[in-house]
Amino acid sequence: MEKKELRFNFEESQAEGLEFQILLMVHLLANENLAYRGTLKEINDALGYNGRDTRRNRRIKEAINKLEEKGLIKTIYDGSGRGQVITLTLSK
């Protein structure tokens, strides 16, 4: 069985709340050479939130934008409205 190790510097990330959760999710996927791809509803599900909450969706979008502004992730939006698909990857 192959041993895998995850290194993450919490102090340098400067991410809080949803920013941290999203960054950690993207980072874990990137370790396996994967990217996150899904709708806001699917992001809610992946982070353990149930149901639709307009305020939480807005906070998730804001967290994604802040992470992108900080240069930590790259974001691609496909489509618009309720079915918009968001792809998240780590910045290189």
PDB file of N, CA and C in Angstrom:
ATOM      1  N   MET A   1       0.830  -1.173   0.000  1.00  0.00           N
ATOM      2  CA  MET A   1       0.000   0.000   0.000  1.00  0.00           C
ATOM      3  C   MET A   1       0.881   1.246   0.000  1.00  0.00           C
ATOM      4  N   GLU A   2       0.590   2.157  -0.901  1.00  0.00           N
ATOM      5  CA  GLU A   2       1.382   3.366  -1.037  1.00  0.00           C
ATOM      6  C   GLU A   2       0.991   4.378   0.031  1.00  0.00           C
ATOM      7  N   LYS A   3       1.984   4.936   0.696  1.00  0.00           N
ATOM      8  CA  LYS A   3       1.737   5.951   1.714  1.00  0.00           C
ATOM      9  C   LYS A   3       1.685   7.315   1.048  1.00  0.00           C
ATOM     10  N   LYS A   4       0.638   8.082   1.341  1.00  0.00           N
ATOM     11  CA  LYS A   4       0.502   9.428   0.797  1.00  0.00           C
ATOM     12  C   LYS A   4       0.541  10.415   1.944  1.00  0.00           C
ATOM     13  N   GLU A   5       1.155  11.559   1.690  1.00  0.00           N
ATOM     14  CA  GLU A   5       1.314  12.564   2.724  1.00  0.00           C
ATOM     15  C   GLU A   5       0.765  13.890   2.229  1.00  0.00           C
ATOM     16  N   LEU A   6       0.045  14.586   3.092  1.00  0.00           N
ATOM     17  CA  LEU A   6      -0.508  15.893   2.765  1.00  0.00           C
ATOM     18  C   LEU A   6       0.174  16.941   3.617  1.00  0.00           C
ATOM     19  N   ARG A   7       0.717  17.953   2.971  1.00  0.00           N
ATOM     20  CA  ARG A   7       1.339  19.057   3.703  1.00  0.00           C
ATOM     21  C   ARG A   7       0.556  20.319   3.374  1.00  0.00           C
ATOM     22  N   PHE A   8       0.172  21.007   4.404  1.00  0.00           N
ATOM     23  CA  PHE A   8      -0.607  22.220   4.212  1.00  0.00           C
ATOM     24  C   PHE A   8      -0.216  23.206   5.296  1.00  0.00           C
ATOM     25  N   ASN A   9       0.211  24.392   4.909  1.00  0.00           N
ATOM     26  CA  ASN A   9       0.628  25.402   5.869  1.00  0.00           C
ATOM     27  C   ASN A   9      -0.569  26.295   6.186  1.00  0.00           C
ATOM     28  N   PHE A  10      -1.158  26.078   7.359  1.00  0.00           N
ATOM     29  CA  PHE A  10      -2.354  26.818   7.742  1.00  0.00           C
ATOM     30  C   PHE A  10      -2.095  28.312   7.900  1.00  0.00           C
ATOM     31  N   GLU A  11      -0.935  28.682   8.421  1.00  0.00           N
ATOM     32  CA  GLU A  11      -0.636  30.098   8.645  1.00  0.00           C
ATOM     33  C   GLU A  11      -0.508  30.853   7.334  1.00  0.00           C
ATOM     34  N   GLU A  12       0.143  30.263   6.353  1.00  0.00           N
ATOM     35  CA  GLU A  12       0.341  30.942   5.087  1.00  0.00           C
ATOM     36  C   GLU A  12      -0.942  31.024   4.261  1.00  0.00           C
ATOM     37  N   SER A  13      -1.865  30.144   4.477  1.00  0.00           N
ATOM     38  CA  SER A  13      -3.073  30.144   3.657  1.00  0.00           C
ATOM     39  C   SER A  13      -3.934  31.372   3.888  1.00  0.00           C
ATOM     40  N   GLN A  14      -3.948  31.901   5.113  1.00  0.00           N
ATOM     41  CA  GLN A  14      -4.747  33.064   5.478  1.00  0.00           C
ATOM     42  C   GLN A  14      -6.209  32.906   5.063  1.00  0.00           C
ATOM     43  N   ALA A  15      -6.662  31.696   4.965  1.00  0.00           N
ATOM     44  CA  ALA A  15      -8.041  31.450   4.564  1.00  0.00           C
ATOM     45  C   ALA A  15      -8.876  31.133   5.792  1.00  0.00           C
ATOM     46  N   GLU A  16     -10.093  31.659   5.806  1.00  0.00           N
ATOM     47  CA  GLU A  16     -10.980  31.416   6.933  1.00  0.00           C
ATOM     48  C   GLU A  16     -12.294  30.846   6.431  1.00  0.00           C
ATOM     49  N   GLY A  17     -12.983  30.134   7.299  1.00  0.00           N
ATOM     50  CA  GLY A  17     -14.331  29.674   7.001  1.00  0.00           C
ATOM     51  C   GLY A  17     -14.450  28.972   5.665  1.00  0.00           C
ATOM     52  N   LEU A  18     -15.332  29.462   4.828  1.00  0.00           N
ATOM     53  CA  LEU A  18     -15.563  28.846   3.525  1.00  0.00           C
ATOM     54  C   LEU A  18     -14.330  28.899   2.638  1.00  0.00           C
ATOM     55  N   GLU A  19     -13.566  29.974   2.737  1.00  0.00           N
ATOM     56  CA  GLU A  19     -12.337  30.053   1.941  1.00  0.00           C
ATOM     57  C   GLU A  19     -11.441  28.870   2.259  1.00  0.00           C
ATOM     58  N   PHE A  20     -11.255  28.602   3.539  1.00  0.00           N
ATOM     59  CA  PHE A  20     -10.405  27.488   3.941  1.00  0.00           C
ATOM     60  C   PHE A  20     -10.971  26.158   3.451  1.00  0.00           C
ATOM     61  N   GLN A  21     -12.268  25.943   3.635  1.00  0.00           N
ATOM     62  CA  GLN A  21     -12.888  24.683   3.217  1.00  0.00           C
ATOM     63  C   GLN A  21     -12.740  24.463   1.715  1.00  0.00           C
ATOM     64  N   ILE A  22     -12.968  25.506   0.940  1.00  0.00           N
ATOM     65  CA  ILE A  22     -12.860  25.391  -0.513  1.00  0.00           C
ATOM     66  C   ILE A  22     -11.408  25.144  -0.914  1.00  0.00           C
ATOM     67  N   LEU A  23     -10.489  25.904  -0.334  1.00  0.00           N
ATOM     68  CA  LEU A  23      -9.075  25.733  -0.656  1.00  0.00           C
ATOM     69  C   LEU A  23      -8.596  24.334  -0.298  1.00  0.00           C
ATOM     70  N   LEU A  24      -8.999  23.843   0.847  1.00  0.00           N
ATOM     71  CA  LEU A  24      -8.600  22.499   1.256  1.00  0.00           C
ATOM     72  C   LEU A  24      -9.155  21.453   0.288  1.00  0.00           C
ATOM     73  N   MET A  25     -10.421  21.586  -0.114  1.00  0.00           N
ATOM     74  CA  MET A  25     -11.030  20.647  -1.054  1.00  0.00           C
ATOM     75  C   MET A  25     -10.259  20.640  -2.385  1.00  0.00           C
ATOM     76  N   VAL A  26      -9.948  21.826  -2.894  1.00  0.00           N
ATOM     77  CA  VAL A  26      -9.223  21.933  -4.169  1.00  0.00           C
ATOM     78  C   VAL A  26      -7.815  21.381  -4.020  1.00  0.00           C
ATOM     79  N   HIS A  27      -7.181  21.659  -2.899  1.00  0.00           N
ATOM     80  CA  HIS A  27      -5.821  21.180  -2.652  1.00  0.00           C
ATOM     81  C   HIS A  27      -5.765  19.652  -2.594  1.00  0.00           C
ATOM     82  N   LEU A  28      -6.710  19.052  -1.887  1.00  0.00           N
ATOM     83  CA  LEU A  28      -6.740  17.594  -1.783  1.00  0.00           C
ATOM     84  C   LEU A  28      -6.943  16.950  -3.156  1.00  0.00           C
ATOM     85  N   LEU A  29      -7.806  17.528  -3.966  1.00  0.00           N
ATOM     86  CA  LEU A  29      -8.014  17.004  -5.320  1.00  0.00           C
ATOM     87  C   LEU A  29      -6.766  17.195  -6.179  1.00  0.00           C
ATOM     88  N   ALA A  30      -6.115  18.343  -6.034  1.00  0.00           N
ATOM     89  CA  ALA A  30      -4.913  18.623  -6.825  1.00  0.00           C
ATOM     90  C   ALA A  30      -3.795  17.638  -6.507  1.00  0.00           C
ATOM     91  N   ASN A  31      -3.741  17.169  -5.265  1.00  0.00           N
ATOM     92  CA  ASN A  31      -2.732  16.164  -4.898  1.00  0.00           C
ATOM     93  C   ASN A  31      -2.887  14.890  -5.713  1.00  0.00           C
ATOM     94  N   GLU A  32      -4.076  14.642  -6.201  1.00  0.00           N
ATOM     95  CA  GLU A  32      -4.353  13.460  -7.023  1.00  0.00           C
ATOM     96  C   GLU A  32      -4.460  13.839  -8.507  1.00  0.00           C
ATOM     97  N   ASN A  33      -3.966  15.041  -8.855  1.00  0.00           N
ATOM     98  CA  ASN A  33      -4.022  15.569 -10.225  1.00  0.00           C
ATOM     99  C   ASN A  33      -5.449  15.687 -10.734  1.00  0.00           C
ATOM    100  N   LEU A  34      -6.341  16.123  -9.853  1.00  0.00           N
ATOM    101  CA  LEU A  34      -7.742  16.303 -10.196  1.00  0.00           C
ATOM    102  C   LEU A  34      -8.139  17.753  -9.949  1.00  0.00           C
ATOM    103  N   ALA A  35      -9.269  18.164 -10.522  1.00  0.00           N
ATOM    104  CA  ALA A  35      -9.839  19.488 -10.289  1.00  0.00           C
ATOM    105  C   ALA A  35     -11.278  19.308  -9.839  1.00  0.00           C
ATOM    106  N   TYR A  36     -11.809  20.309  -9.136  1.00  0.00           N
ATOM    107  CA  TYR A  36     -13.214  20.243  -8.735  1.00  0.00           C
ATOM    108  C   TYR A  36     -14.063  20.807  -9.860  1.00  0.00           C
ATOM    109  N   ARG A  37     -15.164  20.122 -10.171  1.00  0.00           N
ATOM    110  CA  ARG A  37     -16.087  20.594 -11.199  1.00  0.00           C
ATOM    111  C   ARG A  37     -17.497  20.282 -10.722  1.00  0.00           C
ATOM    112  N   GLY A  38     -18.313  21.326 -10.548  1.00  0.00           N
ATOM    113  CA  GLY A  38     -19.684  21.120 -10.098  1.00  0.00           C
ATOM    114  C   GLY A  38     -20.448  22.426  -9.986  1.00  0.00           C
ATOM    115  N   THR A  39     -21.729  22.316  -9.676  1.00  0.00           N
ATOM    116  CA  THR A  39     -22.599  23.474  -9.494  1.00  0.00           C
ATOM    117  C   THR A  39     -22.483  23.972  -8.055  1.00  0.00           C
ATOM    118  N   LEU A  40     -23.096  25.116  -7.764  1.00  0.00           N
ATOM    119  CA  LEU A  40     -23.107  25.617  -6.389  1.00  0.00           C
ATOM    120  C   LEU A  40     -23.769  24.615  -5.451  1.00  0.00           C
ATOM    121  N   LYS A  41     -24.836  23.980  -5.899  1.00  0.00           N
ATOM    122  CA  LYS A  41     -25.507  22.971  -5.074  1.00  0.00           C
ATOM    123  C   LYS A  41     -24.542  21.830  -4.746  1.00  0.00           C
ATOM    124  N   GLU A  42     -23.773  21.408  -5.737  1.00  0.00           N
ATOM    125  CA  GLU A  42     -22.809  20.324  -5.517  1.00  0.00           C
ATOM    126  C   GLU A  42     -21.668  20.762  -4.597  1.00  0.00           C
ATOM    127  N   ILE A  43     -21.268  22.046  -4.681  1.00  0.00           N
ATOM    128  CA  ILE A  43     -20.251  22.550  -3.749  1.00  0.00           C
ATOM    129  C   ILE A  43     -20.808  22.516  -2.328  1.00  0.00           C
ATOM    130  N   ASN A  44     -22.079  22.948  -2.162  1.00  0.00           N
ATOM    131  CA  ASN A  44     -22.727  22.872  -0.848  1.00  0.00           C
ATOM    132  C   ASN A  44     -22.695  21.448  -0.321  1.00  0.00           C
ATOM    133  N   ASP A  45     -23.064  20.495  -1.164  1.00  0.00           N
ATOM    134  CA  ASP A  45     -23.071  19.082  -0.765  1.00  0.00           C
ATOM    135  C   ASP A  45     -21.666  18.614  -0.379  1.00  0.00           C
ATOM    136  N   ALA A  46     -20.668  18.985  -1.194  1.00  0.00           N
ATOM    137  CA  ALA A  46     -19.290  18.555  -0.939  1.00  0.00           C
ATOM    138  C   ALA A  46     -18.768  19.116   0.384  1.00  0.00           C
ATOM    139  N   LEU A  47     -19.248  20.304   0.766  1.00  0.00           N
ATOM    140  CA  LEU A  47     -18.806  20.928   2.013  1.00  0.00           C
ATOM    141  C   LEU A  47     -19.666  20.516   3.204  1.00  0.00           C
ATOM    142  N   GLY A  48     -20.662  19.663   2.933  1.00  0.00           N
ATOM    143  CA  GLY A  48     -21.485  19.141   4.022  1.00  0.00           C
ATOM    144  C   GLY A  48     -22.708  19.962   4.362  1.00  0.00           C
ATOM    145  N   TYR A  49     -23.090  20.910   3.491  1.00  0.00           N
ATOM    146  CA  TYR A  49     -24.284  21.720   3.725  1.00  0.00           C
ATOM    147  C   TYR A  49     -25.441  21.128   2.938  1.00  0.00           C
ATOM    148  N   ASN A  50     -26.611  21.092   3.563  1.00  0.00           N
ATOM    149  CA  ASN A  50     -27.796  20.552   2.899  1.00  0.00           C
ATOM    150  C   ASN A  50     -28.736  21.679   2.509  1.00  0.00           C
ATOM    151  N   GLY A  51     -29.482  21.444   1.425  1.00  0.00           N
ATOM    152  CA  GLY A  51     -30.492  22.408   1.016  1.00  0.00           C
ATOM    153  C   GLY A  51     -29.913  23.595   0.288  1.00  0.00           C
ATOM    154  N   ARG A  52     -30.821  24.433  -0.158  1.00  0.00           N
ATOM    155  CA  ARG A  52     -30.416  25.642  -0.880  1.00  0.00           C
ATOM    156  C   ARG A  52     -30.512  26.838   0.052  1.00  0.00           C
ATOM    157  N   ASP A  53     -29.484  27.618   0.069  1.00  0.00           N
ATOM    158  CA  ASP A  53     -29.433  28.814   0.901  1.00  0.00           C
ATOM    159  C   ASP A  53     -28.784  29.910   0.066  1.00  0.00           C
ATOM    160  N   THR A  54     -29.569  30.911  -0.312  1.00  0.00           N
ATOM    161  CA  THR A  54     -29.080  31.979  -1.184  1.00  0.00           C
ATOM    162  C   THR A  54     -27.902  32.713  -0.558  1.00  0.00           C
ATOM    163  N   ARG A  55     -27.977  32.967   0.753  1.00  0.00           N
ATOM    164  CA  ARG A  55     -26.869  33.672   1.416  1.00  0.00           C
ATOM    165  C   ARG A  55     -25.592  32.838   1.413  1.00  0.00           C
ATOM    166  N   ARG A  56     -25.727  31.535   1.666  1.00  0.00           N
ATOM    167  CA  ARG A  56     -24.538  30.668   1.655  1.00  0.00           C
ATOM    168  C   ARG A  56     -23.961  30.584   0.240  1.00  0.00           C
ATOM    169  N   ASN A  57     -24.840  30.504  -0.775  1.00  0.00           N
ATOM    170  CA  ASN A  57     -24.350  30.490  -2.159  1.00  0.00           C
ATOM    171  C   ASN A  57     -23.557  31.755  -2.461  1.00  0.00           C
ATOM    172  N   ARG A  58     -24.060  32.892  -1.996  1.00  0.00           N
ATOM    173  CA  ARG A  58     -23.360  34.162  -2.215  1.00  0.00           C
ATOM    174  C   ARG A  58     -22.009  34.137  -1.498  1.00  0.00           C
ATOM    175  N   ARG A  59     -21.988  33.601  -0.268  1.00  0.00           N
ATOM    176  CA  ARG A  59     -20.723  33.520   0.481  1.00  0.00           C
ATOM    177  C   ARG A  59     -19.733  32.575  -0.206  1.00  0.00           C
ATOM    178  N   ILE A  60     -20.232  31.484  -0.775  1.00  0.00           N
ATOM    179  CA  ILE A  60     -19.354  30.559  -1.499  1.00  0.00           C
ATOM    180  C   ILE A  60     -18.753  31.269  -2.709  1.00  0.00           C
ATOM    181  N   LYS A  61     -19.577  31.997  -3.464  1.00  0.00           N
ATOM    182  CA  LYS A  61     -19.070  32.740  -4.629  1.00  0.00           C
ATOM    183  C   LYS A  61     -18.027  33.768  -4.195  1.00  0.00           C
ATOM    184  N   GLU A  62     -18.301  34.474  -3.090  1.00  0.00           N
ATOM    185  CA  GLU A  62     -17.348  35.466  -2.586  1.00  0.00           C
ATOM    186  C   GLU A  62     -16.040  34.805  -2.155  1.00  0.00           C
ATOM    187  N   ALA A  63     -16.134  33.664  -1.499  1.00  0.00           N
ATOM    188  CA  ALA A  63     -14.932  32.945  -1.064  1.00  0.00           C
ATOM    189  C   ALA A  63     -14.108  32.502  -2.268  1.00  0.00           C
ATOM    190  N   ILE A  64     -14.774  31.990  -3.295  1.00  0.00           N
ATOM    191  CA  ILE A  64     -14.074  31.581  -4.520  1.00  0.00           C
ATOM    192  C   ILE A  64     -13.387  32.783  -5.145  1.00  0.00           C
ATOM    193  N   ASN A  65     -14.082  33.920  -5.225  1.00  0.00           N
ATOM    194  CA  ASN A  65     -13.493  35.131  -5.809  1.00  0.00           C
ATOM    195  C   ASN A  65     -12.289  35.610  -5.010  1.00  0.00           C
ATOM    196  N   LYS A  66     -12.383  35.573  -3.669  1.00  0.00           N
ATOM    197  CA  LYS A  66     -11.257  35.997  -2.828  1.00  0.00           C
ATOM    198  C   LYS A  66     -10.048  35.092  -3.027  1.00  0.00           C
ATOM    199  N   LEU A  67     -10.291  33.780  -3.099  1.00  0.00           N
ATOM    200  CA  LEU A  67      -9.184  32.840  -3.316  1.00  0.00           C
ATOM    201  C   LEU A  67      -8.529  33.076  -4.674  1.00  0.00           C
ATOM    202  N   GLU A  68      -9.344  33.392  -5.671  1.00  0.00           N
ATOM    203  CA  GLU A  68      -8.788  33.668  -7.003  1.00  0.00           C
ATOM    204  C   GLU A  68      -8.009  34.984  -6.992  1.00  0.00           C
ATOM    205  N   GLU A  69      -8.547  36.010  -6.314  1.00  0.00           N
ATOM    206  CA  GLU A  69      -7.847  37.295  -6.215  1.00  0.00           C
ATOM    207  C   GLU A  69      -6.502  37.150  -5.512  1.00  0.00           C
ATOM    208  N   LYS A  70      -6.444  36.262  -4.527  1.00  0.00           N
ATOM    209  CA  LYS A  70      -5.191  36.004  -3.798  1.00  0.00           C
ATOM    210  C   LYS A  70      -4.219  35.160  -4.614  1.00  0.00           C
ATOM    211  N   GLY A  71      -4.678  34.645  -5.768  1.00  0.00           N
ATOM    212  CA  GLY A  71      -3.817  33.829  -6.612  1.00  0.00           C
ATOM    213  C   GLY A  71      -3.677  32.393  -6.148  1.00  0.00           C
ATOM    214  N   LEU A  72      -4.603  31.934  -5.296  1.00  0.00           N
ATOM    215  CA  LEU A  72      -4.516  30.574  -4.773  1.00  0.00           C
ATOM    216  C   LEU A  72      -5.214  29.543  -5.654  1.00  0.00           C
ATOM    217  N   ILE A  73      -6.280  29.953  -6.337  1.00  0.00           N
ATOM    218  CA  ILE A  73      -7.005  29.032  -7.216  1.00  0.00           C
ATOM    219  C   ILE A  73      -7.303  29.717  -8.540  1.00  0.00           C
ATOM    220  N   LYS A  74      -7.641  28.896  -9.529  1.00  0.00           N
ATOM    221  CA  LYS A  74      -8.133  29.386 -10.816  1.00  0.00           C
ATOM    222  C   LYS A  74      -9.553  28.875 -10.969  1.00  0.00           C
ATOM    223  N   THR A  75     -10.414  29.704 -11.552  1.00  0.00           N
ATOM    224  CA  THR A  75     -11.827  29.379 -11.677  1.00  0.00           C
ATOM    225  C   THR A  75     -12.268  29.504 -13.125  1.00  0.00           C
ATOM    226  N   ILE A  76     -13.055  28.526 -13.572  1.00  0.00           N
ATOM    227  CA  ILE A  76     -13.672  28.572 -14.897  1.00  0.00           C
ATOM    228  C   ILE A  76     -15.169  28.383 -14.694  1.00  0.00           C
ATOM    229  N   TYR A  77     -15.968  29.293 -15.263  1.00  0.00           N
ATOM    230  CA  TYR A  77     -17.425  29.199 -15.176  1.00  0.00           C
ATOM    231  C   TYR A  77     -17.964  28.760 -16.535  1.00  0.00           C
ATOM    232  N   ASP A  78     -18.776  27.704 -16.548  1.00  0.00           N
ATOM    233  CA  ASP A  78     -19.427  27.213 -17.762  1.00  0.00           C
ATOM    234  C   ASP A  78     -20.926  27.379 -17.602  1.00  0.00           C
ATOM    235  N   GLY A  79     -21.543  28.090 -18.535  1.00  0.00           N
ATOM    236  CA  GLY A  79     -22.985  28.293 -18.470  1.00  0.00           C
ATOM    237  C   GLY A  79     -23.329  29.452 -17.558  1.00  0.00           C
ATOM    238  N   SER A  80     -24.630  29.565 -17.258  1.00  0.00           N
ATOM    239  CA  SER A  80     -25.088  30.636 -16.385  1.00  0.00           C
ATOM    240  C   SER A  80     -26.327  30.177 -15.628  1.00  0.00           C
ATOM    241  N   GLY A  81     -26.674  30.953 -14.626  1.00  0.00           N
ATOM    242  CA  GLY A  81     -27.879  30.642 -13.864  1.00  0.00           C
ATOM    243  C   GLY A  81     -27.708  29.451 -12.951  1.00  0.00           C
ATOM    244  N   ARG A  82     -28.820  28.792 -12.688  1.00  0.00           N
ATOM    245  CA  ARG A  82     -28.863  27.707 -11.710  1.00  0.00           C
ATOM    246  C   ARG A  82     -27.967  26.521 -12.080  1.00  0.00           C
ATOM    247  N   GLY A  83     -27.823  26.239 -13.360  1.00  0.00           N
ATOM    248  CA  GLY A  83     -27.026  25.079 -13.780  1.00  0.00           C
ATOM    249  C   GLY A  83     -25.575  25.389 -14.080  1.00  0.00           C
ATOM    250  N   GLN A  84     -25.124  26.591 -13.709  1.00  0.00           N
ATOM    251  CA  GLN A  84     -23.746  26.987 -13.988  1.00  0.00           C
ATOM    252  C   GLN A  84     -22.771  26.015 -13.333  1.00  0.00           C
ATOM    253  N   VAL A  85     -21.807  25.546 -14.117  1.00  0.00           N
ATOM    254  CA  VAL A  85     -20.799  24.617 -13.621  1.00  0.00           C
ATOM    255  C   VAL A  85     -19.513  25.410 -13.354  1.00  0.00           C
ATOM    256  N   ILE A  86     -18.939  25.152 -12.187  1.00  0.00           N
ATOM    257  CA  ILE A  86     -17.729  25.849 -11.760  1.00  0.00           C
ATOM    258  C   ILE A  86     -16.589  24.835 -11.685  1.00  0.00           C
ATOM    259  N   THR A  87     -15.474  25.159 -12.329  1.00  0.00           N
ATOM    260  CA  THR A  87     -14.281  24.331 -12.242  1.00  0.00           C
ATOM    261  C   THR A  87     -13.244  25.073 -11.410  1.00  0.00           C
ATOM    262  N   LEU A  88     -12.719  24.404 -10.391  1.00  0.00           N
ATOM    263  CA  LEU A  88     -11.734  24.999  -9.491  1.00  0.00           C
ATOM    264  C   LEU A  88     -10.449  24.186  -9.520  1.00  0.00           C
ATOM    265  N   THR A  89      -9.324  24.871  -9.717  1.00  0.00           N
ATOM    266  CA  THR A  89      -8.015  24.223  -9.681  1.00  0.00           C
ATOM    267  C   THR A  89      -7.053  25.099  -8.889  1.00  0.00           C
ATOM    268  N   LEU A  90      -5.975  24.507  -8.429  1.00  0.00           N
ATOM    269  CA  LEU A  90      -4.936  25.290  -7.749  1.00  0.00           C
ATOM    270  C   LEU A  90      -4.192  26.114  -8.784  1.00  0.00           C
ATOM    271  N   SER A  91      -3.781  27.315  -8.404  1.00  0.00           N
ATOM    272  CA  SER A  91      -2.913  28.119  -9.262  1.00  0.00           C
ATOM    273  C   SER A  91      -1.518  27.547  -9.176  1.00  0.00           C
ATOM    274  N   LYS A  92      -0.806  27.619 -10.244  1.00  0.00           N
ATOM    275  CA  LYS A  92       0.574  27.097 -10.260  1.00  0.00           C
ATOM    276  C   LYS A  92       1.530  28.200  -9.972  1.00  0.00           C
TER     277      LYS A  92
END
